[in-house]
Amino acid sequence: YLPLTATNTTARLAVLRGIMRTHGIHAYIVPSTDAHMSEYISERDARLGWLTGFTGSAGTAVVTRDKAALWTDSRYWTQAERELDCNWELQRTTSIESIGMWILKAVSAEGNVSLDPFLFSIDTWNRYSRALHGSGRTLLPLEINLVDQAWGDQRPLPSSSEIYSLPTEFTGPTPWQEKVAGIRQRMEQHARRPTAVLLSGLEETAWLFNLRGDDIPYNPVFYSYTLLTNTTISLFVEQSRLSAAARESLRSGCPGPLCVELQEYGQVSAHLRCYARGNVTVWLGTEYTNYGLYAIIPQEKLLEESYSPVMMAKAVKNAHEQEMLRAAHVRDAVAVIQYLLWLEKTVPQGQVDEFSGAQHIDALRWAQEHSRGPSFQSISASG
C-alpha cells in the first residue's frame, strides 16, 4: 500500500545500487543542493527529489547496498511521511553527526562512503570527513554523479532561455567594467595580493556583469562561474544563450584587460587546474564554493574568506539601487493593498480559499510594471 502522495522508488534504488556496486561503493550521500550552494535549485538539479520522492527544499539522503534513509528538519516531517515509500527510513534531524553515526552502523569497516564533491560545501565536506575519521571507512569523492547516471535521459534538460543584460535604468551609472576595476583594486590592496578571484555564487556573476537569466525558479540568475585575474576575465557559461546585446557588452573591451573571455560552463575545473599550476593565489568565498573546485587549488595558493569580495561589494547598494528598491516596494505595496481590498469584499461570499487567494495576489503583482514574478512561491494560510 502506498499513499497517493508517495513515489514508488524501488526501481530507482535498484538502478542506483547497481551503479554503486560497479564503482565498489558501500554508501552514497545525496544532498539537496546544486554546485553553487543555491538556496533554490532547478528541476535538473533536484536529484534528492527524484531519488526519494521527497519534494521539500532541504534534506540529505544516504543509500547503502540494503538501506536508504532521509534526514530533514521539522518543517518537513509530515510531508516526508506522505511522500516517502517504504524503502526509506525518515530521520527527524539534520545533523551531520547523526548521518555519520547512521553510516557507521550501516557500513562495515573498510567500506567506501562516496559523494559528488561538486555538490557539497567546503564546510560540509570537512564535517563528513571528521564524522568518519579514524573509523576505517573511506570518504571517496567521485566526480561522476551516480544519481545522474541512474536518472539517465529522464533527467530534465538544462535551461535554454536567454541570458540578457539588465538595462541601465535599473543598474544605474555603474557599468560592469567599473565593478571589475573595483574588485581588482581590492585584490591589490589585500595584504596577500591575490592574483585571482573565483566566483561560484550565481548572483555574484550576475551582479558583476549586470546580466540576468531564469535558470532557477524565483531567481533571476543563470549557471556560471567567473575567474577574474589582474589582467584577464574568464566567464564560464553556455555561450549560445547570451543575447546579442549581452555578448556585445562583454566583448566590448577586447583585446585587453576588460575583455571577457567566454568559456563553456563545464570547462571551469580544467581551467582552474591549469591556472593553479602557476605562481598564483586564488581568493574565494567558502560559503558558495563547492569542495570539488576548492580541492583543485593547492592549500598554500588559497586565500579563503567566508564571502568573496564581489559578494561584499554587492551587499552595499548605490544610491540608484536604493531608489529602485524603494520603488519596487511601493509597486508591491499597491498590489498587496489591492489584494486586501479584494479579500474584504470576496471572503464574506465564501468563494475564496488559500489557493485561489495565492493565485490572485500573484496576478496583481504580475500586473505591476517591471514585474518578473514573485521571489518565492506564495505562502498562503488562513485560520
Protein backbone atom coordinates (compact mmCIF):
# COMPACT_ATOMS: atom_id res chain seq x y z
CA TYR A 1 0.00 0.00 0.00
CA LEU A 2 1.28 3.45 -0.95
CA PRO A 3 -0.48 6.73 -0.22
CA LEU A 4 -1.31 8.63 -3.43
CA THR A 5 1.23 11.28 -2.42
CA ALA A 6 4.18 8.80 -2.26
CA THR A 7 6.55 7.89 -5.10
CA ASN A 8 7.47 4.26 -5.75
CA THR A 9 11.30 4.39 -5.68
CA THR A 10 12.05 0.64 -5.81
CA ALA A 11 13.26 0.67 -9.44
CA ARG A 12 15.28 3.89 -8.98
CA LEU A 13 17.09 2.50 -5.95
CA ALA A 14 17.80 -0.79 -7.73
CA VAL A 15 19.46 1.07 -10.64
CA LEU A 16 21.48 3.29 -8.27
CA ARG A 17 22.65 0.29 -6.22
CA GLY A 18 23.76 -1.47 -9.40
CA ILE A 19 25.90 1.56 -10.31
CA MET A 20 27.26 1.71 -6.73
CA ARG A 21 28.34 -1.94 -6.96
CA THR A 22 30.11 -1.22 -10.27
CA HIS A 23 32.15 1.51 -8.56
CA GLY A 24 32.75 -0.54 -5.39
CA ILE A 25 30.80 1.91 -3.20
CA HIS A 26 29.02 0.88 0.02
CA ALA A 27 27.18 4.14 0.78
CA TYR A 28 26.29 7.17 -1.35
CA ILE A 29 25.30 10.58 0.08
CA VAL A 30 22.83 12.73 -1.89
CA PRO A 31 22.28 16.37 -0.84
CA SER A 32 19.51 18.81 -1.82
CA THR A 33 21.94 21.45 -3.16
CA ASP A 34 23.40 22.32 -6.56
CA ALA A 35 27.04 23.07 -7.45
CA HIS A 36 26.63 26.75 -6.47
CA MET A 37 25.17 26.21 -2.98
CA SER A 38 21.97 27.93 -4.21
CA GLU A 39 19.04 28.29 -1.82
CA TYR A 40 16.67 27.35 -4.67
CA ILE A 41 17.55 24.79 -7.35
CA SER A 42 16.39 23.95 -10.87
CA GLU A 43 14.41 20.80 -11.74
CA ARG A 44 17.56 19.39 -13.35
CA ASP A 45 19.37 19.61 -10.00
CA ALA A 46 16.53 18.10 -7.94
CA ARG A 47 18.39 14.80 -7.51
CA LEU A 48 17.15 14.24 -3.96
CA GLY A 49 13.53 14.73 -5.10
CA TRP A 50 13.87 12.31 -8.00
CA LEU A 51 15.57 9.60 -5.95
CA THR A 52 13.35 9.76 -2.84
CA GLY A 53 10.07 11.35 -3.95
CA PHE A 54 10.52 13.96 -1.19
CA THR A 55 10.00 17.47 -2.57
CA GLY A 56 10.95 19.62 0.46
CA SER A 57 13.67 22.22 -0.06
CA ALA A 58 16.15 20.81 2.47
CA GLY A 59 17.28 17.26 3.14
CA THR A 60 20.01 14.64 2.77
CA ALA A 61 19.67 11.03 1.64
CA VAL A 62 22.08 8.13 2.19
CA VAL A 63 21.76 4.90 0.22
CA THR A 64 23.66 1.73 1.13
CA ARG A 65 23.55 -1.72 -0.50
CA ASP A 66 20.44 -2.63 1.54
CA LYS A 67 19.19 0.51 3.33
CA ALA A 68 18.06 4.03 2.48
CA ALA A 69 17.41 6.96 4.82
CA LEU A 70 16.38 10.60 4.53
CA TRP A 71 17.25 13.36 7.02
CA THR A 72 15.16 16.54 7.14
CA ASP A 73 14.06 19.19 9.64
CA SER A 74 10.74 19.57 11.48
CA ARG A 75 9.18 21.80 8.77
CA TYR A 76 9.03 18.74 6.51
CA TRP A 77 8.34 15.71 8.72
CA THR A 78 4.65 15.42 7.82
CA GLN A 79 5.41 16.00 4.14
CA ALA A 80 8.20 13.39 4.16
CA GLU A 81 5.89 10.80 5.75
CA ARG A 82 3.41 11.34 2.91
CA GLU A 83 5.97 11.40 0.07
CA LEU A 84 8.41 8.61 1.02
CA ASP A 85 7.62 4.98 0.26
CA CYS A 86 8.59 2.02 2.45
CA ASN A 87 12.12 1.83 1.03
CA TRP A 88 13.06 4.87 3.15
CA GLU A 89 13.68 5.46 6.84
CA LEU A 90 12.81 9.02 7.89
CA GLN A 91 15.39 10.53 10.28
CA ARG A 92 14.00 13.53 12.17
CA THR A 93 17.22 15.53 12.40
CA THR A 94 19.65 17.23 10.01
CA SER A 95 22.93 17.00 11.90
CA ILE A 96 25.91 15.60 10.00
CA GLU A 97 26.95 13.85 13.22
CA SER A 98 23.70 11.81 13.19
CA ILE A 99 24.18 10.99 9.48
CA GLY A 100 27.73 9.89 10.31
CA MET A 101 26.54 7.67 13.18
CA TRP A 102 23.94 6.04 10.90
CA ILE A 103 26.61 5.40 8.24
CA LEU A 104 28.95 3.83 10.82
CA LYS A 105 26.17 1.38 11.80
CA ALA A 106 25.07 0.66 8.22
CA VAL A 107 28.50 0.33 6.57
CA SER A 108 31.10 -2.12 7.81
CA ALA A 109 34.69 -1.02 8.50
CA GLU A 110 36.83 -0.80 5.34
CA GLY A 111 33.71 0.37 3.46
CA ASN A 112 33.70 3.24 0.93
CA VAL A 113 31.36 6.20 1.54
CA SER A 114 31.08 8.27 -1.62
CA LEU A 115 29.66 11.60 -2.74
CA ASP A 116 29.88 14.14 -5.58
CA PRO A 117 32.37 16.77 -4.29
CA PHE A 118 30.83 19.43 -6.55
CA LEU A 119 27.55 19.29 -4.58
CA PHE A 120 28.98 19.82 -1.09
CA SER A 121 30.24 22.99 0.53
CA ILE A 122 33.78 23.03 1.91
CA ASP A 123 32.43 23.10 5.48
CA THR A 124 30.02 20.19 4.88
CA TRP A 125 32.77 18.05 3.32
CA ASN A 126 35.06 18.73 6.31
CA ARG A 127 32.31 17.78 8.76
CA TYR A 128 31.66 14.45 6.99
CA SER A 129 35.41 13.87 6.95
CA ARG A 130 35.58 14.45 10.74
CA ALA A 131 32.50 12.26 11.38
CA LEU A 132 34.13 9.28 9.61
CA HIS A 133 37.73 9.99 10.65
CA GLY A 134 39.51 7.03 12.23
CA SER A 135 36.55 4.69 11.67
CA GLY A 136 38.16 2.67 8.86
CA ARG A 137 35.57 3.95 6.36
CA THR A 138 36.93 5.94 3.42
CA LEU A 139 35.25 9.17 2.26
CA LEU A 140 35.59 8.93 -1.50
CA PRO A 141 34.96 11.93 -3.79
CA LEU A 142 33.57 10.73 -7.13
CA GLU A 143 33.28 13.31 -9.92
CA ILE A 144 30.73 11.21 -11.83
CA ASN A 145 27.32 11.80 -10.22
CA LEU A 146 25.70 8.40 -9.66
CA VAL A 147 22.15 9.77 -9.33
CA ASP A 148 22.55 11.47 -12.72
CA GLN A 149 23.63 8.13 -14.18
CA ALA A 150 20.59 6.38 -12.67
CA TRP A 151 18.26 9.19 -13.78
CA GLY A 152 19.57 8.89 -17.36
CA ASP A 153 17.63 10.50 -20.20
CA GLN A 154 14.64 11.14 -17.92
CA ARG A 155 16.60 13.94 -16.25
CA PRO A 156 15.28 17.40 -17.23
CA LEU A 157 17.33 19.25 -19.84
CA PRO A 158 19.37 22.33 -18.90
CA SER A 159 17.71 25.71 -19.40
CA SER A 160 17.91 27.14 -22.92
CA SER A 161 16.37 30.55 -22.15
CA GLU A 162 18.20 33.76 -22.99
CA ILE A 163 20.76 35.41 -20.69
CA TYR A 164 20.19 39.15 -21.04
CA SER A 165 21.74 42.47 -19.98
CA LEU A 166 19.97 44.39 -17.23
CA PRO A 167 19.00 47.84 -18.60
CA THR A 168 20.93 50.81 -17.17
CA GLU A 169 17.67 52.24 -15.79
CA PHE A 170 17.97 49.51 -13.11
CA THR A 171 21.75 49.22 -12.66
CA GLY A 172 22.34 52.97 -12.53
CA PRO A 173 25.53 54.63 -13.70
CA THR A 174 27.79 51.65 -12.80
CA PRO A 175 28.89 49.69 -15.90
CA TRP A 176 30.32 46.22 -15.23
CA GLN A 177 33.79 47.45 -16.20
CA GLU A 178 33.72 49.79 -13.18
CA LYS A 179 32.73 46.90 -10.89
CA VAL A 180 35.62 44.78 -12.23
CA ALA A 181 38.06 47.67 -11.65
CA GLY A 182 36.77 47.97 -8.05
CA ILE A 183 37.34 44.25 -7.36
CA ARG A 184 40.84 44.42 -8.88
CA GLN A 185 41.59 47.36 -6.61
CA ARG A 186 40.54 45.26 -3.59
CA MET A 187 42.88 42.49 -4.80
CA GLU A 188 45.81 44.96 -4.95
CA GLN A 189 45.02 46.37 -1.50
CA HIS A 190 44.78 42.95 0.20
CA ALA A 191 47.82 42.02 2.31
CA ARG A 192 48.22 38.72 0.46
CA ARG A 193 47.94 40.30 -3.03
CA PRO A 194 45.77 37.56 -4.61
CA THR A 195 46.20 37.10 -8.36
CA ALA A 196 42.62 35.90 -8.97
CA VAL A 197 39.11 35.84 -7.53
CA LEU A 198 36.94 32.75 -8.14
CA LEU A 199 33.17 33.39 -8.18
CA SER A 200 30.82 30.41 -7.64
CA GLY A 201 27.64 32.03 -6.27
CA LEU A 202 25.26 32.57 -9.19
CA GLU A 203 24.23 36.04 -8.02
CA GLU A 204 27.92 37.11 -7.89
CA THR A 205 28.48 36.70 -11.63
CA ALA A 206 25.01 38.11 -12.45
CA TRP A 207 25.75 41.23 -10.37
CA LEU A 208 29.31 41.70 -11.63
CA PHE A 209 28.36 41.75 -15.33
CA ASN A 210 24.84 43.26 -14.96
CA LEU A 211 23.37 40.12 -16.53
CA ARG A 212 20.22 38.17 -15.65
CA GLY A 213 18.59 34.83 -16.56
CA ASP A 214 15.89 32.49 -15.29
CA ASP A 215 17.60 29.12 -14.85
CA ILE A 216 16.15 28.72 -11.33
CA PRO A 217 12.50 29.43 -10.41
CA TYR A 218 12.02 32.71 -8.48
CA ASN A 219 15.69 33.71 -9.01
CA PRO A 220 16.96 35.91 -11.88
CA VAL A 221 20.24 34.02 -12.29
CA PHE A 222 21.96 31.69 -14.76
CA TYR A 223 24.51 28.87 -14.36
CA SER A 224 28.02 30.32 -14.46
CA TYR A 225 31.42 30.69 -12.83
CA THR A 226 33.89 33.57 -13.14
CA LEU A 227 37.67 33.62 -12.71
CA LEU A 228 38.83 37.24 -12.52
CA THR A 229 42.60 37.86 -12.55
CA ASN A 230 44.64 41.10 -12.58
CA THR A 231 44.70 41.08 -16.38
CA THR A 232 42.05 38.61 -17.62
CA ILE A 233 38.37 37.77 -17.13
CA SER A 234 37.06 34.25 -17.81
CA LEU A 235 33.28 33.71 -17.77
CA PHE A 236 32.19 30.05 -17.81
CA VAL A 237 28.67 29.97 -19.25
CA GLU A 238 26.71 28.36 -22.08
CA GLN A 239 27.70 30.94 -24.69
CA SER A 240 24.89 30.23 -27.16
CA ARG A 241 22.35 31.54 -24.62
CA LEU A 242 23.81 35.05 -24.34
CA SER A 243 21.70 37.70 -26.07
CA ALA A 244 23.41 39.70 -28.81
CA ALA A 245 23.47 42.78 -26.54
CA ALA A 246 24.96 40.79 -23.63
CA ARG A 247 27.67 39.29 -25.84
CA GLU A 248 28.48 42.72 -27.32
CA SER A 249 28.73 44.26 -23.83
CA LEU A 250 31.10 41.51 -22.61
CA ARG A 251 33.32 41.66 -25.71
CA SER A 252 33.47 45.47 -25.95
CA GLY A 253 36.87 45.64 -24.22
CA CYS A 254 38.61 43.08 -26.47
CA PRO A 255 41.52 42.76 -26.67
CA GLY A 256 42.69 44.00 -23.28
CA PRO A 257 42.25 43.57 -19.51
CA LEU A 258 38.49 44.34 -19.76
CA CYS A 259 37.86 41.68 -22.41
CA VAL A 260 35.64 38.86 -21.13
CA GLU A 261 36.84 35.50 -22.47
CA LEU A 262 33.79 33.28 -22.86
CA GLN A 263 34.36 29.62 -21.99
CA GLU A 264 31.91 26.74 -21.71
CA TYR A 265 30.37 26.20 -18.26
CA GLY A 266 31.77 22.65 -17.98
CA GLN A 267 35.37 23.80 -18.55
CA VAL A 268 35.81 25.52 -15.17
CA SER A 269 37.58 22.60 -13.42
CA ALA A 270 40.11 22.06 -16.23
CA HIS A 271 40.79 25.81 -16.50
CA LEU A 272 41.24 26.20 -12.72
CA ARG A 273 43.54 23.16 -12.56
CA CYS A 274 45.73 24.69 -15.27
CA TYR A 275 45.73 28.15 -13.63
CA ALA A 276 46.58 26.74 -10.18
CA ARG A 277 49.87 25.29 -11.53
CA GLY A 278 51.35 28.80 -11.77
CA ASN A 279 52.68 31.15 -9.09
CA VAL A 280 49.17 32.28 -8.07
CA THR A 281 46.89 32.99 -5.11
CA VAL A 282 43.15 32.40 -5.60
CA TRP A 283 40.72 34.38 -3.43
CA LEU A 284 37.36 32.70 -2.84
CA GLY A 285 34.33 32.80 -0.56
CA THR A 286 33.92 29.48 1.24
CA GLU A 287 30.13 29.89 1.70
CA TYR A 288 29.40 29.46 -2.03
CA THR A 289 32.36 27.45 -3.35
CA ASN A 290 31.89 23.70 -3.64
CA TYR A 291 34.51 21.28 -2.33
CA GLY A 292 35.23 19.91 -5.83
CA LEU A 293 36.61 23.25 -7.07
CA TYR A 294 38.23 24.09 -3.74
CA ALA A 295 40.21 20.82 -3.74
CA ILE A 296 41.73 21.63 -7.15
CA ILE A 297 43.69 24.57 -5.71
CA PRO A 298 46.74 23.71 -3.55
CA GLN A 299 46.22 24.88 0.04
CA GLU A 300 49.16 27.30 0.02
CA LYS A 301 47.70 29.05 -3.07
CA LEU A 302 44.32 29.72 -1.45
CA LEU A 303 43.01 32.89 0.15
CA GLU A 304 39.83 31.86 1.99
CA GLU A 305 37.21 34.20 3.42
CA SER A 306 33.55 33.45 4.16
CA TYR A 307 32.41 35.70 1.31
CA SER A 308 34.20 36.79 -1.85
CA PRO A 309 34.97 40.50 -2.41
CA VAL A 310 32.20 40.53 -5.04
CA MET A 311 29.63 39.31 -2.50
CA MET A 312 30.77 42.03 -0.11
CA ALA A 313 30.63 44.75 -2.80
CA LYS A 314 27.19 43.55 -3.97
CA ALA A 315 25.82 43.93 -0.43
CA VAL A 316 26.42 47.71 -0.49
CA LYS A 317 23.74 49.34 -2.66
CA ASN A 318 24.50 52.57 -4.51
CA ALA A 319 22.04 55.50 -4.38
CA HIS A 320 20.34 54.43 -7.64
CA GLU A 321 19.90 50.82 -6.47
CA GLN A 322 18.40 52.07 -3.20
CA GLU A 323 15.95 54.22 -5.16
CA MET A 324 14.99 51.23 -7.33
CA LEU A 325 14.49 49.03 -4.23
CA ARG A 326 12.12 51.59 -2.70
CA ALA A 327 10.20 51.97 -5.96
CA ALA A 328 9.80 48.18 -6.24
CA HIS A 329 8.45 48.05 -2.66
CA VAL A 330 5.93 50.80 -3.45
CA ARG A 331 4.67 48.88 -6.51
CA ASP A 332 4.44 45.70 -4.41
CA ALA A 333 2.55 47.58 -1.67
CA VAL A 334 -0.02 48.68 -4.25
CA ALA A 335 -0.58 45.02 -5.23
CA VAL A 336 -0.93 43.98 -1.54
CA ILE A 337 -3.41 46.80 -0.82
CA GLN A 338 -5.46 45.77 -3.89
CA TYR A 339 -5.38 42.19 -2.58
CA LEU A 340 -6.54 43.13 0.94
CA LEU A 341 -9.42 45.15 -0.53
CA TRP A 342 -10.39 42.19 -2.75
CA LEU A 343 -10.29 39.85 0.28
CA GLU A 344 -12.58 42.16 2.28
CA LYS A 345 -15.14 42.08 -0.50
CA THR A 346 -14.95 38.41 -1.54
CA VAL A 347 -14.21 36.41 1.63
CA PRO A 348 -17.70 37.05 3.13
CA GLN A 349 -19.18 35.49 -0.04
CA GLY A 350 -17.38 32.23 0.80
CA GLN A 351 -15.70 31.99 -2.60
CA VAL A 352 -12.01 32.26 -1.57
CA ASP A 353 -9.66 29.53 -0.36
CA GLU A 354 -5.92 29.72 0.30
CA PHE A 355 -5.03 28.55 -3.21
CA SER A 356 -7.26 30.95 -5.15
CA GLY A 357 -6.09 33.74 -2.83
CA ALA A 358 -2.44 32.99 -3.67
CA GLN A 359 -3.25 32.93 -7.38
CA HIS A 360 -4.99 36.31 -7.14
CA ILE A 361 -2.15 38.12 -5.38
CA ASP A 362 0.32 36.68 -7.90
CA ALA A 363 -1.84 38.07 -10.73
CA LEU A 364 -1.98 41.50 -9.06
CA ARG A 365 1.81 41.53 -8.69
CA TRP A 366 2.33 40.45 -12.30
CA ALA A 367 0.14 43.38 -13.40
CA GLN A 368 2.61 45.86 -11.86
CA GLU A 369 5.17 47.48 -14.17
CA HIS A 370 8.58 45.72 -14.43
CA SER A 371 7.33 42.58 -12.62
CA ARG A 372 9.38 39.45 -13.25
CA GLY A 373 7.22 37.31 -10.97
CA PRO A 374 7.36 36.57 -7.21
CA SER A 375 10.61 35.90 -5.33
CA PHE A 376 9.20 32.69 -3.83
CA GLN A 377 6.00 30.67 -4.07
CA SER A 378 3.19 32.41 -2.17
CA ILE A 379 2.79 31.00 1.35
CA SER A 380 -0.94 31.34 1.87
CA ALA A 381 -2.81 30.27 5.00
CA SER A 382 -5.91 31.28 6.94
CA GLY A 383 -7.36 30.37 10.28
